[in-house]
Amino acid sequence: MQKLKGVWLALAFGLLCAGPAVAEHRVAYVDADKVVKNSPQFEEVVEGLEREFDRRKEELRVKREQLKQLEDKLNRDGAVMSANEIRKLEQDIRSHQRKLKNAVDEVDEDMSLRRNEALNRLLRQVQEVVREVGREEKLDMIFSTGVAYFSEEVDISDKVLLRLREKYQQKNQ
């Protein structure tokens, strides 16, 4: 524990002594979540995924309706059905439930994979734009996630977002 305190003290002392040297460096902050969520590319990703999975979601809705119809039939006609008919209908309901659960799980997994792929592409694009802005602004370091405090003066999120919007417009002209 004493060694750890010593290391922290040495580090703090080193930073204090290096104060004037550190002041020469230009740093900035970018709120990656804000940039991603407010970019037109993000809206395009969300809309694209919705369009891509609309048909499969409709199929799930139809399967749910079929299952509900079977359950309603059992509730409505169960009192007048034979034991064999009830057992067969219950088996049919369980079969539909399993198929529906598997289909829902498959759609959820596929959506998750596609969303992650699309968001990773978008994050790479954001990272590229952050680097461009950093070079143009002659910044030495750009911080993002995990920053405890930043001044509005060093926040370049709006510049990055503006650049992303420009790139989106250029791509879609």
C-alpha atoms as a PDB file:
ATOM      1  CA  MET A   1       0.000   0.000   0.000  1.00  0.00           C
ATOM      2  CA  GLN A   2       2.880   2.353   0.840  1.00  0.00           C
ATOM      3  CA  LYS A   3       4.479   1.632  -2.558  1.00  0.00           C
ATOM      4  CA  LEU A   4       1.221   2.535  -4.286  1.00  0.00           C
ATOM      5  CA  LYS A   5       1.003   5.830  -2.395  1.00  0.00           C
ATOM      6  CA  GLY A   6       4.604   6.539  -3.323  1.00  0.00           C
ATOM      7  CA  VAL A   7       3.895   5.910  -6.989  1.00  0.00           C
ATOM      8  CA  TRP A   8       0.887   8.247  -6.903  1.00  0.00           C
ATOM      9  CA  LEU A   9       2.876  10.958  -5.140  1.00  0.00           C
ATOM     10  CA  ALA A  10       5.692  10.657  -7.670  1.00  0.00           C
ATOM     11  CA  LEU A  11       3.207  10.808 -10.529  1.00  0.00           C
ATOM     12  CA  ALA A  12       1.475  13.871  -9.052  1.00  0.00           C
ATOM     13  CA  PHE A  13       4.817  15.593  -8.450  1.00  0.00           C
ATOM     14  CA  GLY A  14       5.887  14.813 -12.001  1.00  0.00           C
ATOM     15  CA  LEU A  15       2.694  16.311 -13.378  1.00  0.00           C
ATOM     16  CA  LEU A  16       3.123  19.451 -11.282  1.00  0.00           C
ATOM     17  CA  CYS A  17       6.676  19.881 -12.483  1.00  0.00           C
ATOM     18  CA  ALA A  18       5.646  19.258 -16.078  1.00  0.00           C
ATOM     19  CA  GLY A  19       2.823  21.800 -15.832  1.00  0.00           C
ATOM     20  CA  PRO A  20       4.295  24.364 -18.211  1.00  0.00           C
ATOM     21  CA  ALA A  21       5.114  21.680 -20.779  1.00  0.00           C
ATOM     22  CA  VAL A  22       1.605  20.226 -20.587  1.00  0.00           C
ATOM     23  CA  ALA A  23       0.058  23.671 -21.108  1.00  0.00           C
ATOM     24  CA  GLU A  24       1.591  23.805 -24.604  1.00  0.00           C
ATOM     25  CA  HIS A  25      -0.422  20.846 -25.805  1.00  0.00           C
ATOM     26  CA  ARG A  26      -3.803  21.340 -27.397  1.00  0.00           C
ATOM     27  CA  VAL A  27      -6.499  18.946 -26.258  1.00  0.00           C
ATOM     28  CA  ALA A  28     -10.166  18.560 -27.089  1.00  0.00           C
ATOM     29  CA  TYR A  29     -13.157  16.469 -26.147  1.00  0.00           C
ATOM     30  CA  VAL A  30     -15.751  14.806 -28.340  1.00  0.00           C
ATOM     31  CA  ASP A  31     -19.004  13.334 -27.048  1.00  0.00           C
ATOM     32  CA  ALA A  32     -19.164  10.268 -29.288  1.00  0.00           C
ATOM     33  CA  ASP A  33     -22.664   9.274 -28.119  1.00  0.00           C
ATOM     34  CA  LYS A  34     -24.038  12.719 -28.959  1.00  0.00           C
ATOM     35  CA  VAL A  35     -22.313  12.722 -32.332  1.00  0.00           C
ATOM     36  CA  VAL A  36     -23.541   9.249 -33.264  1.00  0.00           C
ATOM     37  CA  LYS A  37     -27.133   9.697 -32.095  1.00  0.00           C
ATOM     38  CA  ASN A  38     -27.544  13.101 -33.756  1.00  0.00           C
ATOM     39  CA  SER A  39     -25.937  12.200 -37.063  1.00  0.00           C
ATOM     40  CA  PRO A  40     -28.029  11.628 -40.184  1.00  0.00           C
ATOM     41  CA  GLN A  41     -26.068   8.421 -40.689  1.00  0.00           C
ATOM     42  CA  PHE A  42     -27.528   7.064 -37.435  1.00  0.00           C
ATOM     43  CA  GLU A  43     -31.051   7.893 -38.590  1.00  0.00           C
ATOM     44  CA  GLU A  44     -30.310   6.125 -41.868  1.00  0.00           C
ATOM     45  CA  VAL A  45     -29.054   3.046 -39.980  1.00  0.00           C
ATOM     46  CA  VAL A  46     -32.183   2.918 -37.810  1.00  0.00           C
ATOM     47  CA  GLU A  47     -34.537   3.378 -40.755  1.00  0.00           C
ATOM     48  CA  GLY A  48     -32.619   0.818 -42.821  1.00  0.00           C
ATOM     49  CA  LEU A  49     -32.852  -1.780 -40.068  1.00  0.00           C
ATOM     50  CA  GLU A  50     -36.573  -1.123 -39.682  1.00  0.00           C
ATOM     51  CA  ARG A  51     -37.120  -1.608 -43.410  1.00  0.00           C
ATOM     52  CA  GLU A  52     -34.918  -4.695 -43.456  1.00  0.00           C
ATOM     53  CA  PHE A  53     -36.801  -6.395 -40.629  1.00  0.00           C
ATOM     54  CA  ASP A  54     -40.360  -5.203 -41.347  1.00  0.00           C
ATOM     55  CA  ARG A  55     -41.278  -8.380 -43.255  1.00  0.00           C
ATOM     56  CA  ARG A  56     -39.975 -10.662 -40.530  1.00  0.00           C
ATOM     57  CA  LYS A  57     -41.728  -8.648 -37.821  1.00  0.00           C
ATOM     58  CA  GLU A  58     -44.963  -8.977 -39.775  1.00  0.00           C
ATOM     59  CA  GLU A  59     -44.439 -12.748 -39.958  1.00  0.00           C
ATOM     60  CA  LEU A  60     -44.025 -12.805 -36.166  1.00  0.00           C
ATOM     61  CA  ARG A  61     -47.219 -10.795 -35.760  1.00  0.00           C
ATOM     62  CA  VAL A  62     -49.093 -13.332 -37.923  1.00  0.00           C
ATOM     63  CA  LYS A  63     -47.685 -16.243 -35.890  1.00  0.00           C
ATOM     64  CA  ARG A  64     -48.728 -14.542 -32.643  1.00  0.00           C
ATOM     65  CA  GLU A  65     -52.233 -14.072 -34.016  1.00  0.00           C
ATOM     66  CA  GLN A  66     -52.429 -17.733 -35.042  1.00  0.00           C
ATOM     67  CA  LEU A  67     -51.322 -18.794 -31.564  1.00  0.00           C
ATOM     68  CA  LYS A  68     -53.883 -16.485 -29.979  1.00  0.00           C
ATOM     69  CA  GLN A  69     -56.614 -17.967 -32.171  1.00  0.00           C
ATOM     70  CA  LEU A  70     -55.696 -21.478 -31.049  1.00  0.00           C
ATOM     71  CA  GLU A  71     -55.674 -20.421 -27.386  1.00  0.00           C
ATOM     72  CA  ASP A  72     -59.021 -18.670 -27.826  1.00  0.00           C
ATOM     73  CA  LYS A  73     -60.449 -21.800 -29.438  1.00  0.00           C
ATOM     74  CA  LEU A  74     -59.306 -23.910 -26.497  1.00  0.00           C
ATOM     75  CA  ASN A  75     -60.812 -21.439 -24.003  1.00  0.00           C
ATOM     76  CA  ARG A  76     -64.046 -21.067 -25.962  1.00  0.00           C
ATOM     77  CA  ASP A  77     -64.659 -24.663 -27.078  1.00  0.00           C
ATOM     78  CA  GLY A  78     -62.680 -26.659 -24.516  1.00  0.00           C
ATOM     79  CA  ALA A  79     -65.777 -27.505 -22.481  1.00  0.00           C
ATOM     80  CA  VAL A  80     -67.474 -29.215 -25.446  1.00  0.00           C
ATOM     81  CA  MET A  81     -64.391 -30.895 -26.921  1.00  0.00           C
ATOM     82  CA  SER A  82     -63.358 -34.478 -26.252  1.00  0.00           C
ATOM     83  CA  ALA A  83     -60.287 -35.177 -24.135  1.00  0.00           C
ATOM     84  CA  ASN A  84     -58.431 -36.342 -27.235  1.00  0.00           C
ATOM     85  CA  GLU A  85     -59.293 -33.127 -29.124  1.00  0.00           C
ATOM     86  CA  ILE A  86     -58.214 -31.011 -26.149  1.00  0.00           C
ATOM     87  CA  ARG A  87     -54.906 -32.877 -25.875  1.00  0.00           C
ATOM     88  CA  LYS A  88     -54.273 -32.496 -29.601  1.00  0.00           C
ATOM     89  CA  LEU A  89     -55.110 -28.767 -29.505  1.00  0.00           C
ATOM     90  CA  GLU A  90     -52.853 -28.257 -26.459  1.00  0.00           C
ATOM     91  CA  GLN A  91     -50.001 -29.990 -28.296  1.00  0.00           C
ATOM     92  CA  ASP A  92     -50.634 -27.778 -31.297  1.00  0.00           C
ATOM     93  CA  ILE A  93     -50.548 -24.692 -29.033  1.00  0.00           C
ATOM     94  CA  ARG A  94     -47.250 -25.798 -27.448  1.00  0.00           C
ATOM     95  CA  SER A  95     -45.789 -26.450 -30.894  1.00  0.00           C
ATOM     96  CA  HIS A  96     -46.817 -22.972 -32.065  1.00  0.00           C
ATOM     97  CA  GLN A  97     -45.380 -21.452 -28.867  1.00  0.00           C
ATOM     98  CA  ARG A  98     -42.007 -23.160 -29.443  1.00  0.00           C
ATOM     99  CA  LYS A  99     -41.914 -22.127 -33.092  1.00  0.00           C
ATOM    100  CA  LEU A 100     -42.842 -18.560 -32.187  1.00  0.00           C
ATOM    101  CA  LYS A 101     -40.219 -18.368 -29.444  1.00  0.00           C
ATOM    102  CA  ASN A 102     -37.541 -19.710 -31.817  1.00  0.00           C
ATOM    103  CA  ALA A 103     -38.582 -17.275 -34.533  1.00  0.00           C
ATOM    104  CA  VAL A 104     -38.542 -14.329 -32.100  1.00  0.00           C
ATOM    105  CA  ASP A 105     -35.116 -15.341 -30.806  1.00  0.00           C
ATOM    106  CA  GLU A 106     -33.790 -15.660 -34.363  1.00  0.00           C
ATOM    107  CA  VAL A 107     -35.122 -12.253 -35.401  1.00  0.00           C
ATOM    108  CA  ASP A 108     -33.764 -10.639 -32.233  1.00  0.00           C
ATOM    109  CA  GLU A 109     -30.343 -12.186 -32.770  1.00  0.00           C
ATOM    110  CA  ASP A 110     -30.235 -11.196 -36.441  1.00  0.00           C
ATOM    111  CA  MET A 111     -31.332  -7.648 -35.627  1.00  0.00           C
ATOM    112  CA  SER A 112     -28.711  -7.378 -32.920  1.00  0.00           C
ATOM    113  CA  LEU A 113     -25.977  -8.583 -35.272  1.00  0.00           C
ATOM    114  CA  ARG A 114     -27.033  -6.222 -38.052  1.00  0.00           C
ATOM    115  CA  ARG A 115     -27.373  -3.283 -35.648  1.00  0.00           C
ATOM    116  CA  ASN A 116     -23.888  -3.940 -34.263  1.00  0.00           C
ATOM    117  CA  GLU A 117     -22.401  -4.205 -37.762  1.00  0.00           C
ATOM    118  CA  ALA A 118     -24.035  -0.953 -38.853  1.00  0.00           C
ATOM    119  CA  LEU A 119     -23.100   0.900 -35.675  1.00  0.00           C
ATOM    120  CA  ASN A 120     -19.503  -0.303 -35.905  1.00  0.00           C
ATOM    121  CA  ARG A 121     -19.308   1.065 -39.459  1.00  0.00           C
ATOM    122  CA  LEU A 122     -20.743   4.358 -38.217  1.00  0.00           C
ATOM    123  CA  LEU A 123     -18.307   4.487 -35.288  1.00  0.00           C
ATOM    124  CA  ARG A 124     -15.388   3.960 -37.674  1.00  0.00           C
ATOM    125  CA  GLN A 125     -16.704   6.840 -39.770  1.00  0.00           C
ATOM    126  CA  VAL A 126     -17.032   9.056 -36.676  1.00  0.00           C
ATOM    127  CA  GLN A 127     -13.497   8.120 -35.649  1.00  0.00           C
ATOM    128  CA  GLU A 128     -12.225   9.090 -39.094  1.00  0.00           C
ATOM    129  CA  VAL A 129     -13.968  12.470 -38.903  1.00  0.00           C
ATOM    130  CA  VAL A 130     -12.625  13.067 -35.382  1.00  0.00           C
ATOM    131  CA  ARG A 131      -9.106  12.471 -36.708  1.00  0.00           C
ATOM    132  CA  GLU A 132      -9.724  14.861 -39.630  1.00  0.00           C
ATOM    133  CA  VAL A 133     -10.973  17.593 -37.302  1.00  0.00           C
ATOM    134  CA  GLY A 134      -8.077  16.931 -34.933  1.00  0.00           C
ATOM    135  CA  ARG A 135      -5.521  17.340 -37.725  1.00  0.00           C
ATOM    136  CA  GLU A 136      -7.206  20.480 -39.060  1.00  0.00           C
ATOM    137  CA  GLU A 137      -7.428  22.031 -35.591  1.00  0.00           C
ATOM    138  CA  LYS A 138      -3.828  20.960 -34.895  1.00  0.00           C
ATOM    139  CA  LEU A 139      -4.877  19.136 -31.736  1.00  0.00           C
ATOM    140  CA  ASP A 140      -2.452  16.926 -29.853  1.00  0.00           C
ATOM    141  CA  MET A 141      -5.051  14.767 -28.151  1.00  0.00           C
ATOM    142  CA  ILE A 142      -8.809  14.242 -28.290  1.00  0.00           C
ATOM    143  CA  PHE A 143     -10.589  12.640 -25.345  1.00  0.00           C
ATOM    144  CA  SER A 144     -13.911  10.896 -25.478  1.00  0.00           C
ATOM    145  CA  THR A 145     -15.598   8.354 -23.214  1.00  0.00           C
ATOM    146  CA  GLY A 146     -14.661   8.275 -19.547  1.00  0.00           C
ATOM    147  CA  VAL A 147     -13.800  11.946 -19.131  1.00  0.00           C
ATOM    148  CA  ALA A 148     -14.766  13.293 -15.724  1.00  0.00           C
ATOM    149  CA  TYR A 149     -14.819  16.948 -16.766  1.00  0.00           C
ATOM    150  CA  PHE A 150     -14.324  19.017 -19.871  1.00  0.00           C
ATOM    151  CA  SER A 151     -14.743  22.671 -20.680  1.00  0.00           C
ATOM    152  CA  GLU A 152     -17.097  23.723 -23.462  1.00  0.00           C
ATOM    153  CA  GLU A 153     -14.084  25.411 -25.050  1.00  0.00           C
ATOM    154  CA  VAL A 154     -12.489  22.045 -25.826  1.00  0.00           C
ATOM    155  CA  ASP A 155     -15.696  20.262 -26.923  1.00  0.00           C
ATOM    156  CA  ILE A 156     -15.469  19.611 -30.659  1.00  0.00           C
ATOM    157  CA  SER A 157     -18.558  17.394 -30.816  1.00  0.00           C
ATOM    158  CA  ASP A 158     -20.543  19.948 -32.824  1.00  0.00           C
ATOM    159  CA  LYS A 159     -17.706  20.325 -35.356  1.00  0.00           C
ATOM    160  CA  VAL A 160     -17.536  16.574 -35.797  1.00  0.00           C
ATOM    161  CA  LEU A 161     -21.323  16.345 -36.118  1.00  0.00           C
ATOM    162  CA  LEU A 162     -21.340  19.150 -38.701  1.00  0.00           C
ATOM    163  CA  ARG A 163     -18.655  17.344 -40.717  1.00  0.00           C
ATOM    164  CA  LEU A 164     -20.638  14.077 -40.573  1.00  0.00           C
ATOM    165  CA  ARG A 165     -23.726  15.884 -41.841  1.00  0.00           C
ATOM    166  CA  GLU A 166     -21.702  17.409 -44.687  1.00  0.00           C
ATOM    167  CA  LYS A 167     -20.333  13.989 -45.653  1.00  0.00           C
ATOM    168  CA  TYR A 168     -23.857  12.542 -45.527  1.00  0.00           C
ATOM    169  CA  GLN A 169     -25.181  15.283 -47.821  1.00  0.00           C
ATOM    170  CA  GLN A 170     -22.288  14.833 -50.239  1.00  0.00           C
ATOM    171  CA  LYS A 171     -22.896  11.085 -50.352  1.00  0.00           C
ATOM    172  CA  ASN A 172     -26.639  11.511 -51.000  1.00  0.00           C
ATOM    173  CA  GLN A 173     -26.457  14.165 -53.726  1.00  0.00           C
END
